[in-house]
Amino acid sequence: MEIVGKITQVLPMQTGTSQRTGNPWAIQSFILETQDQFPRKVCIEMFGEERIKTNPIAENEIVTVSFDLESREFNGRWYTSVRAWRVQQGAVAAPVAAPVAAAAQPAAQAQTQAAAAPASQPAAAQTTAATFDGSADDGSDLPF
């Protein structure tokens, strides 16, 4: 998934050593504010020192963040993390947005053409009217 927004705050890096493996770990968290009509703030974390070094972040930058959502249970409660795996400077268009917009356009054109078409199918119009007023019952409760 991707999200675009402005980094409003970079939180202090947290580091430690894994009790299980003994390896060091690092987490860098930051607050991203979306640029929507109703902006949302999201706390995003990057895990791993190498990933933190290769994806520099700074306050007041507009970035595109590629991330994964992960939820886990602990003592009967659920916790969700937003884990970034790539941060790109600037607003980069999501690759999914173009095909969705292109696919939606023919459907909108078809609806516009259907609305603008003359009533060349009187039989369909009569069937719909008959079903709606209940005089011709085909077992369906829907008027269309």
N, C-alpha and C. Protein backbone atom coordinates (compact mmCIF):
# COMPACT_ATOMS: atom_id res chain seq x y z
N MET A 1 0.84 -1.16 0.00
CA MET A 1 0.00 0.00 0.00
C MET A 1 0.89 1.24 0.00
N GLU A 2 0.31 2.35 -0.43
CA GLU A 2 1.06 3.60 -0.44
C GLU A 2 0.20 4.72 0.14
N ILE A 3 0.89 5.70 0.71
CA ILE A 3 0.23 6.88 1.25
C ILE A 3 1.13 8.07 0.95
N VAL A 4 0.52 9.19 0.61
CA VAL A 4 1.27 10.42 0.31
C VAL A 4 0.92 11.45 1.37
N GLY A 5 1.93 12.16 1.85
CA GLY A 5 1.68 13.19 2.84
C GLY A 5 2.94 13.93 3.22
N LYS A 6 2.78 14.78 4.21
CA LYS A 6 3.88 15.61 4.69
C LYS A 6 4.32 15.09 6.06
N ILE A 7 5.63 14.93 6.22
CA ILE A 7 6.17 14.49 7.51
C ILE A 7 6.12 15.68 8.46
N THR A 8 5.32 15.57 9.50
CA THR A 8 5.18 16.67 10.45
C THR A 8 6.09 16.53 11.66
N GLN A 9 6.51 15.29 11.94
CA GLN A 9 7.36 15.09 13.12
C GLN A 9 8.17 13.81 12.94
N VAL A 10 9.45 13.86 13.29
CA VAL A 10 10.30 12.68 13.31
C VAL A 10 10.59 12.37 14.78
N LEU A 11 10.18 11.20 15.22
CA LEU A 11 10.35 10.81 16.62
C LEU A 11 11.75 10.25 16.83
N PRO A 12 12.22 10.25 18.07
CA PRO A 12 13.57 9.71 18.35
C PRO A 12 13.66 8.23 17.98
N MET A 13 14.82 7.84 17.45
CA MET A 13 15.05 6.45 17.08
C MET A 13 15.14 5.61 18.34
N GLN A 14 14.52 4.44 18.29
CA GLN A 14 14.59 3.49 19.39
C GLN A 14 15.49 2.35 18.97
N THR A 15 16.39 1.93 19.87
CA THR A 15 17.30 0.83 19.57
C THR A 15 17.32 -0.15 20.74
N GLY A 16 17.78 -1.34 20.45
CA GLY A 16 17.87 -2.34 21.50
C GLY A 16 18.51 -3.60 20.97
N THR A 17 18.47 -4.63 21.80
CA THR A 17 19.02 -5.93 21.44
C THR A 17 17.93 -6.98 21.65
N SER A 18 17.76 -7.84 20.66
CA SER A 18 16.75 -8.88 20.74
C SER A 18 17.10 -9.88 21.84
N GLN A 19 16.14 -10.19 22.71
CA GLN A 19 16.37 -11.15 23.77
C GLN A 19 16.49 -12.57 23.20
N ARG A 20 15.80 -12.81 22.12
CA ARG A 20 15.78 -14.15 21.54
C ARG A 20 17.04 -14.45 20.75
N THR A 21 17.47 -13.50 19.88
CA THR A 21 18.61 -13.77 19.01
C THR A 21 19.89 -13.06 19.43
N GLY A 22 19.76 -12.01 20.22
CA GLY A 22 20.93 -11.24 20.63
C GLY A 22 21.38 -10.22 19.59
N ASN A 23 20.63 -10.08 18.49
CA ASN A 23 20.97 -9.12 17.43
C ASN A 23 20.44 -7.73 17.77
N PRO A 24 21.16 -6.68 17.37
CA PRO A 24 20.66 -5.32 17.60
C PRO A 24 19.50 -5.00 16.65
N TRP A 25 18.60 -4.11 17.10
CA TRP A 25 17.50 -3.67 16.26
C TRP A 25 17.33 -2.16 16.42
N ALA A 26 16.65 -1.55 15.43
CA ALA A 26 16.38 -0.11 15.47
C ALA A 26 15.03 0.15 14.81
N ILE A 27 14.28 1.08 15.38
CA ILE A 27 12.99 1.51 14.83
C ILE A 27 12.98 3.04 14.78
N GLN A 28 12.68 3.59 13.59
CA GLN A 28 12.54 5.03 13.42
C GLN A 28 11.07 5.31 13.12
N SER A 29 10.39 6.07 13.98
CA SER A 29 8.99 6.41 13.78
C SER A 29 8.87 7.86 13.36
N PHE A 30 7.85 8.14 12.56
CA PHE A 30 7.56 9.51 12.16
C PHE A 30 6.06 9.67 11.95
N ILE A 31 5.61 10.92 12.02
CA ILE A 31 4.20 11.25 11.85
C ILE A 31 4.02 11.83 10.46
N LEU A 32 3.10 11.25 9.69
CA LEU A 32 2.80 11.71 8.34
C LEU A 32 1.37 12.25 8.33
N GLU A 33 1.19 13.44 7.79
CA GLU A 33 -0.15 14.03 7.66
C GLU A 33 -0.56 14.00 6.20
N THR A 34 -1.71 13.40 5.91
CA THR A 34 -2.18 13.29 4.53
C THR A 34 -2.59 14.66 4.01
N GLN A 35 -2.67 14.78 2.70
CA GLN A 35 -3.01 16.04 2.05
C GLN A 35 -4.46 16.02 1.55
N ASP A 36 -5.32 15.24 2.16
CA ASP A 36 -6.71 15.11 1.75
C ASP A 36 -7.52 16.32 2.21
N GLN A 37 -8.81 16.32 1.84
CA GLN A 37 -9.70 17.39 2.28
C GLN A 37 -9.78 17.39 3.81
N PHE A 38 -9.83 16.22 4.40
CA PHE A 38 -9.81 16.08 5.85
C PHE A 38 -8.53 15.35 6.22
N PRO A 39 -7.44 16.08 6.48
CA PRO A 39 -6.13 15.45 6.73
C PRO A 39 -6.16 14.50 7.92
N ARG A 40 -5.44 13.41 7.77
CA ARG A 40 -5.28 12.41 8.83
C ARG A 40 -3.80 12.33 9.19
N LYS A 41 -3.53 12.08 10.44
CA LYS A 41 -2.16 11.88 10.89
C LYS A 41 -1.96 10.39 11.15
N VAL A 42 -0.83 9.86 10.65
CA VAL A 42 -0.53 8.44 10.78
C VAL A 42 0.88 8.31 11.33
N CYS A 43 1.04 7.49 12.38
CA CYS A 43 2.36 7.20 12.91
C CYS A 43 2.89 5.99 12.16
N ILE A 44 4.00 6.18 11.45
CA ILE A 44 4.60 5.14 10.63
C ILE A 44 5.97 4.81 11.20
N GLU A 45 6.33 3.54 11.18
CA GLU A 45 7.64 3.14 11.68
C GLU A 45 8.42 2.40 10.61
N MET A 46 9.74 2.60 10.64
CA MET A 46 10.66 1.84 9.79
C MET A 46 11.49 0.98 10.72
N PHE A 47 11.56 -0.31 10.39
CA PHE A 47 12.27 -1.25 11.23
C PHE A 47 13.54 -1.70 10.53
N GLY A 48 14.63 -1.63 11.22
CA GLY A 48 15.92 -2.08 10.68
C GLY A 48 16.83 -0.92 10.36
N GLU A 49 18.05 -1.00 10.86
CA GLU A 49 19.02 0.09 10.68
C GLU A 49 19.35 0.34 9.20
N GLU A 50 19.45 -0.73 8.42
CA GLU A 50 19.77 -0.58 6.99
C GLU A 50 18.65 0.16 6.25
N ARG A 51 17.41 -0.19 6.54
CA ARG A 51 16.27 0.47 5.90
C ARG A 51 16.19 1.94 6.32
N ILE A 52 16.50 2.22 7.56
CA ILE A 52 16.48 3.61 8.05
C ILE A 52 17.54 4.44 7.33
N LYS A 53 18.72 3.86 7.12
CA LYS A 53 19.80 4.58 6.43
C LYS A 53 19.49 4.83 4.96
N THR A 54 18.84 3.87 4.29
CA THR A 54 18.57 4.00 2.86
C THR A 54 17.32 4.81 2.55
N ASN A 55 16.52 5.13 3.54
CA ASN A 55 15.30 5.92 3.36
C ASN A 55 15.32 7.13 4.29
N PRO A 56 16.15 8.14 4.00
CA PRO A 56 16.23 9.29 4.90
C PRO A 56 14.91 10.07 4.92
N ILE A 57 14.55 10.54 6.11
CA ILE A 57 13.33 11.32 6.27
C ILE A 57 13.67 12.61 7.01
N ALA A 58 12.90 13.65 6.73
CA ALA A 58 13.08 14.93 7.40
C ALA A 58 11.72 15.61 7.53
N GLU A 59 11.56 16.40 8.56
CA GLU A 59 10.32 17.12 8.77
C GLU A 59 10.04 18.07 7.62
N ASN A 60 8.76 18.31 7.37
CA ASN A 60 8.24 19.22 6.34
C ASN A 60 8.49 18.74 4.92
N GLU A 61 8.85 17.49 4.71
CA GLU A 61 9.00 16.93 3.36
C GLU A 61 7.69 16.28 2.94
N ILE A 62 7.37 16.42 1.65
CA ILE A 62 6.26 15.68 1.06
C ILE A 62 6.84 14.37 0.55
N VAL A 63 6.28 13.25 1.00
CA VAL A 63 6.82 11.95 0.65
C VAL A 63 5.71 10.98 0.26
N THR A 64 6.10 9.95 -0.45
CA THR A 64 5.24 8.81 -0.73
C THR A 64 5.82 7.63 0.03
N VAL A 65 5.02 7.03 0.90
CA VAL A 65 5.49 5.94 1.75
C VAL A 65 4.82 4.64 1.30
N SER A 66 5.63 3.65 1.00
CA SER A 66 5.14 2.30 0.73
C SER A 66 5.20 1.54 2.05
N PHE A 67 4.10 0.89 2.42
CA PHE A 67 4.05 0.29 3.75
C PHE A 67 3.21 -0.97 3.76
N ASP A 68 3.33 -1.70 4.86
CA ASP A 68 2.51 -2.87 5.14
C ASP A 68 1.82 -2.64 6.47
N LEU A 69 0.60 -3.15 6.59
CA LEU A 69 -0.12 -3.12 7.86
C LEU A 69 0.05 -4.48 8.53
N GLU A 70 0.25 -4.47 9.84
CA GLU A 70 0.41 -5.72 10.56
C GLU A 70 -0.28 -5.58 11.92
N SER A 71 -1.09 -6.57 12.27
CA SER A 71 -1.75 -6.60 13.57
C SER A 71 -1.29 -7.83 14.32
N ARG A 72 -1.20 -7.69 15.64
CA ARG A 72 -0.79 -8.82 16.47
C ARG A 72 -1.53 -8.74 17.80
N GLU A 73 -1.72 -9.89 18.41
CA GLU A 73 -2.45 -9.99 19.66
C GLU A 73 -1.46 -10.14 20.82
N PHE A 74 -1.74 -9.45 21.92
CA PHE A 74 -0.93 -9.58 23.12
C PHE A 74 -1.86 -9.45 24.32
N ASN A 75 -1.95 -10.51 25.12
CA ASN A 75 -2.79 -10.53 26.32
C ASN A 75 -4.24 -10.15 26.02
N GLY A 76 -4.77 -10.67 24.93
CA GLY A 76 -6.17 -10.44 24.60
C GLY A 76 -6.48 -9.12 23.91
N ARG A 77 -5.47 -8.31 23.66
CA ARG A 77 -5.68 -7.03 22.97
C ARG A 77 -4.92 -7.07 21.65
N TRP A 78 -5.44 -6.33 20.67
CA TRP A 78 -4.82 -6.29 19.34
C TRP A 78 -4.14 -4.96 19.11
N TYR A 79 -2.97 -5.03 18.51
CA TYR A 79 -2.16 -3.85 18.21
C TYR A 79 -1.82 -3.86 16.73
N THR A 80 -1.93 -2.70 16.08
CA THR A 80 -1.66 -2.59 14.64
C THR A 80 -0.48 -1.67 14.41
N SER A 81 0.41 -2.09 13.52
CA SER A 81 1.59 -1.31 13.15
C SER A 81 1.52 -0.96 11.67
N VAL A 82 2.00 0.25 11.34
CA VAL A 82 2.16 0.67 9.96
C VAL A 82 3.65 0.68 9.72
N ARG A 83 4.15 -0.33 8.97
CA ARG A 83 5.59 -0.49 8.77
C ARG A 83 5.99 -0.08 7.37
N ALA A 84 6.79 0.98 7.27
CA ALA A 84 7.27 1.47 5.98
C ALA A 84 8.41 0.61 5.49
N TRP A 85 8.42 0.34 4.19
CA TRP A 85 9.56 -0.36 3.60
C TRP A 85 10.22 0.48 2.52
N ARG A 86 9.61 1.61 2.15
CA ARG A 86 10.24 2.55 1.23
C ARG A 86 9.62 3.93 1.42
N VAL A 87 10.49 4.95 1.41
CA VAL A 87 10.05 6.35 1.49
C VAL A 87 10.67 7.08 0.32
N GLN A 88 9.82 7.66 -0.53
CA GLN A 88 10.31 8.41 -1.69
C GLN A 88 9.97 9.88 -1.52
N GLN A 89 10.95 10.74 -1.81
CA GLN A 89 10.73 12.18 -1.73
C GLN A 89 9.76 12.58 -2.83
N GLY A 90 8.84 13.48 -2.49
CA GLY A 90 7.86 13.96 -3.46
C GLY A 90 6.64 13.05 -3.52
N ALA A 91 5.60 13.57 -4.13
CA ALA A 91 4.36 12.81 -4.28
C ALA A 91 4.45 11.99 -5.55
N VAL A 92 4.55 10.68 -5.41
CA VAL A 92 4.63 9.77 -6.54
C VAL A 92 3.26 9.14 -6.71
N ALA A 93 2.73 9.18 -7.92
CA ALA A 93 1.42 8.59 -8.18
C ALA A 93 1.47 7.09 -7.97
N ALA A 94 0.45 6.57 -7.33
CA ALA A 94 0.38 5.13 -7.09
C ALA A 94 0.13 4.42 -8.41
N PRO A 95 0.82 3.30 -8.68
CA PRO A 95 0.66 2.60 -9.95
C PRO A 95 -0.74 2.03 -10.14
N VAL A 96 -1.49 1.81 -9.06
CA VAL A 96 -2.83 1.26 -9.16
C VAL A 96 -3.83 2.33 -9.59
N ALA A 97 -3.54 3.60 -9.35
CA ALA A 97 -4.50 4.66 -9.61
C ALA A 97 -4.83 4.81 -11.09
N ALA A 98 -3.86 4.69 -11.98
CA ALA A 98 -4.11 4.89 -13.41
C ALA A 98 -5.05 3.83 -14.00
N PRO A 99 -4.84 2.52 -13.77
CA PRO A 99 -5.77 1.54 -14.33
C PRO A 99 -7.17 1.67 -13.76
N VAL A 100 -7.31 2.02 -12.48
CA VAL A 100 -8.63 2.16 -11.89
C VAL A 100 -9.37 3.30 -12.56
N ALA A 101 -8.70 4.43 -12.76
CA ALA A 101 -9.33 5.57 -13.40
C ALA A 101 -9.68 5.24 -14.84
N ALA A 102 -8.81 4.53 -15.54
CA ALA A 102 -9.08 4.17 -16.93
C ALA A 102 -10.25 3.19 -17.01
N ALA A 103 -10.35 2.27 -16.06
CA ALA A 103 -11.44 1.30 -16.08
C ALA A 103 -12.77 1.97 -15.73
N ALA A 104 -12.74 2.97 -14.88
CA ALA A 104 -13.96 3.65 -14.48
C ALA A 104 -14.49 4.54 -15.59
N GLN A 105 -13.65 5.05 -16.44
CA GLN A 105 -14.07 5.97 -17.49
C GLN A 105 -15.01 5.32 -18.49
N PRO A 106 -14.75 4.12 -19.05
CA PRO A 106 -15.70 3.52 -19.97
C PRO A 106 -17.05 3.26 -19.32
N ALA A 107 -17.08 2.87 -18.06
CA ALA A 107 -18.35 2.65 -17.38
C ALA A 107 -19.14 3.94 -17.28
N ALA A 108 -18.45 5.05 -16.96
CA ALA A 108 -19.12 6.34 -16.88
C ALA A 108 -19.62 6.76 -18.24
N GLN A 109 -18.84 6.50 -19.30
CA GLN A 109 -19.29 6.83 -20.65
C GLN A 109 -20.51 6.00 -21.02
N ALA A 110 -20.53 4.73 -20.66
CA ALA A 110 -21.66 3.86 -20.97
C ALA A 110 -22.92 4.36 -20.27
N GLN A 111 -22.80 4.80 -19.01
CA GLN A 111 -23.95 5.33 -18.29
C GLN A 111 -24.44 6.61 -18.93
N THR A 112 -23.51 7.47 -19.35
CA THR A 112 -23.89 8.72 -20.00
C THR A 112 -24.59 8.44 -21.31
N GLN A 113 -24.07 7.48 -22.09
CA GLN A 113 -24.68 7.14 -23.37
C GLN A 113 -26.05 6.51 -23.16
N ALA A 114 -26.21 5.68 -22.15
CA ALA A 114 -27.50 5.06 -21.88
C ALA A 114 -28.53 6.10 -21.47
N ALA A 115 -28.11 7.09 -20.70
CA ALA A 115 -29.03 8.13 -20.27
C ALA A 115 -29.41 9.04 -21.43
N ALA A 116 -28.48 9.26 -22.36
CA ALA A 116 -28.74 10.14 -23.48
C ALA A 116 -29.44 9.43 -24.63
N ALA A 117 -29.48 8.10 -24.64
CA ALA A 117 -30.08 7.35 -25.74
C ALA A 117 -31.59 7.52 -25.73
N PRO A 118 -32.20 7.60 -26.91
CA PRO A 118 -33.66 7.71 -26.96
C PRO A 118 -34.29 6.40 -26.50
N ALA A 119 -35.55 6.44 -26.19
CA ALA A 119 -36.26 5.26 -25.72
C ALA A 119 -36.53 4.34 -26.89
N SER A 120 -35.50 3.64 -27.34
CA SER A 120 -35.62 2.75 -28.50
C SER A 120 -36.01 1.34 -28.09
N GLN A 121 -36.16 1.11 -26.81
CA GLN A 121 -36.53 -0.21 -26.33
C GLN A 121 -37.81 -0.12 -25.51
N PRO A 122 -38.95 0.07 -26.14
CA PRO A 122 -40.18 0.23 -25.38
C PRO A 122 -40.57 -1.05 -24.63
N ALA A 123 -40.22 -2.23 -25.13
CA ALA A 123 -40.59 -3.47 -24.45
C ALA A 123 -39.94 -3.55 -23.07
N ALA A 124 -38.67 -3.15 -22.97
CA ALA A 124 -37.98 -3.18 -21.67
C ALA A 124 -38.62 -2.19 -20.72
N ALA A 125 -38.98 -1.04 -21.20
CA ALA A 125 -39.61 -0.04 -20.35
C ALA A 125 -40.96 -0.52 -19.86
N GLN A 126 -41.74 -1.20 -20.73
CA GLN A 126 -43.04 -1.71 -20.33
C GLN A 126 -42.90 -2.82 -19.30
N THR A 127 -41.90 -3.69 -19.47
CA THR A 127 -41.69 -4.78 -18.51
C THR A 127 -41.32 -4.24 -17.15
N THR A 128 -40.46 -3.23 -17.12
CA THR A 128 -40.06 -2.63 -15.85
C THR A 128 -41.25 -2.00 -15.17
N ALA A 129 -42.08 -1.29 -15.90
CA ALA A 129 -43.24 -0.64 -15.32
C ALA A 129 -44.23 -1.67 -14.81
N ALA A 130 -44.42 -2.75 -15.55
CA ALA A 130 -45.37 -3.77 -15.13
C ALA A 130 -44.89 -4.45 -13.86
N THR A 131 -43.60 -4.73 -13.78
CA THR A 131 -43.06 -5.36 -12.59
C THR A 131 -43.16 -4.44 -11.39
N PHE A 132 -42.94 -3.16 -11.61
CA PHE A 132 -42.94 -2.22 -10.50
C PHE A 132 -44.33 -2.03 -9.92
N ASP A 133 -45.35 -2.00 -10.76
CA ASP A 133 -46.69 -1.79 -10.22
C ASP A 133 -47.33 -3.08 -9.72
N GLY A 134 -46.65 -4.20 -9.92
CA GLY A 134 -47.11 -5.46 -9.36
C GLY A 134 -48.04 -6.24 -10.26
N SER A 135 -48.41 -5.71 -11.42
CA SER A 135 -49.36 -6.42 -12.28
C SER A 135 -48.73 -7.63 -12.94
N ALA A 136 -47.45 -7.61 -13.21
CA ALA A 136 -46.77 -8.77 -13.80
C ALA A 136 -45.73 -9.26 -12.82
N ASP A 137 -46.05 -10.28 -12.03
CA ASP A 137 -45.17 -10.75 -10.98
C ASP A 137 -44.32 -11.90 -11.50
N ASP A 138 -43.01 -11.71 -11.51
CA ASP A 138 -42.11 -12.77 -11.93
C ASP A 138 -41.40 -13.43 -10.75
N GLY A 139 -41.85 -13.16 -9.53
CA GLY A 139 -41.24 -13.75 -8.35
C GLY A 139 -40.15 -12.90 -7.75
N SER A 140 -39.85 -11.77 -8.37
CA SER A 140 -38.80 -10.90 -7.88
C SER A 140 -39.41 -9.69 -7.16
N ASP A 141 -38.81 -9.30 -6.07
CA ASP A 141 -39.29 -8.12 -5.34
C ASP A 141 -38.63 -6.85 -5.83
N LEU A 142 -37.66 -6.98 -6.75
CA LEU A 142 -36.94 -5.83 -7.22
C LEU A 142 -37.67 -5.16 -8.38
N PRO A 143 -37.68 -3.83 -8.43
CA PRO A 143 -38.39 -3.13 -9.50
C PRO A 143 -37.60 -3.04 -10.79
N PHE A 144 -36.43 -3.64 -10.89
CA PHE A 144 -35.63 -3.55 -12.11
C PHE A 144 -35.11 -4.88 -12.54
